[in-house]
Amino acid sequence: MLRAIALATVIGAAATVAAPLAAAAPNDPRPTAAHRPTVWAVPGTKAGPEGIARDPYQPYFYTGSTGDGAVYRGDLRTGAVETFLPPGVDGRTTAVGMKVDAHGRLIIAGGLTGLVWVYDTHTGKLLHTFDTGPTEGFLNDLTVADDGDVYVTDSVRPRLYRIAADQLGSHAPAVSRLPVFEEFAGTPIVFRDGFNLNGIVVTPDQRYVIVAHDNDSALYRIDRRTKEIRRIDLGGAGVTGDGLLIRGHTLYALSSVDHIGDNHSIVDIVRLDPGYASGTLDRRATNPLLDRPSTGAFDGDAILAVNFQWAVGDPHLPYSVVRVPLRDLK
């Protein structure tokens, strides 16, 4: 997801669009394909939207500003985007990776702040804050397992965090320590200068998490029970993944680093073998709607992709979220 160089290009206040936090939720969470918009404009000339979360029960997605921490809600029926959480509140000066869990909680990784925030999507109320303490990390992306556990990547410090489901559901103190799941010293995952672990996803069988390693252009499989780590054998192919999505044994890695010629708006499509220990880079695909995307979320038979435009000095405005049917990734 977000890389260090991007921080210099996204600093600034994002314009906001006033909207009530507790807006009534519509009855139909799944608008028909014929009426779905394809492009959502994100407010603000310097918002730098990077992460995205699709609400599994409401016809909304959420994305956030890396520039000031505002969180926006997009309507999948109308194409409207409104401010859901104002910038700067709760120490939220930036917003990176995010997901909505099965209980309607919006979980947001806070980059350099070292914080993870958990909000109620119905009211906008802050439910929990998790803090790494006095570290110099970068909380980048996160994923939610079916059992409710949340895994958070750190791109700078060699560790993976996990928030257990019961911690999310408890009446914990206002701020809790973000628990470390695994330290990577002495493992196959080696951290170097720059950004390391980035996108993350849980496999459909719920046994593993798969993480993308930017510096290695590699994917790693981590066993959720034993913590065994192995690099996924892609036959020599390199894959980076700002955002990872998986359906069955097909993994989609959104990347603005991998490219087709001069085109850096790429979705790497990887076919993984049973056990997720090896696979093949099927193809590097693109679509005219993609503009250096960072992360994505499934929306039925399509991907909602955030056009973050990483490291683009003069980005195309307004920033956007786009809906690309899987069949149109070519």
Foldseek 3Di string as FASTA:
>chain_A
DDWPVQLVQQADDWDFADDALQPDFDDDQADDPVQFDFKAFDTGPRQLWAAKECDPHGQWMWIGGQHFQWIWIAGRRPSYIHTNGHGPPPNRGGWAYWYQDPQQWIWTFRFQQQKIWIARSNHRDTQEIAHQPPDRWTFHYWEAFPQGKIWTDTFAAQFIFIDHRVNSVDNDPRYHYTHTPDGCVPAPQDHDPITFWAAWYADPVRQWIWTFTVVQLWIWTAGSPPRHIDTAAAPPDGHGANYWDDDHQWIWGFFQVDADVPGSGWIFIWGADVVRRYTYRPDIWHAPVGAGWRYWDDRDQWIFTWNSNRPDNNDDPDTITGIGGPVRGD
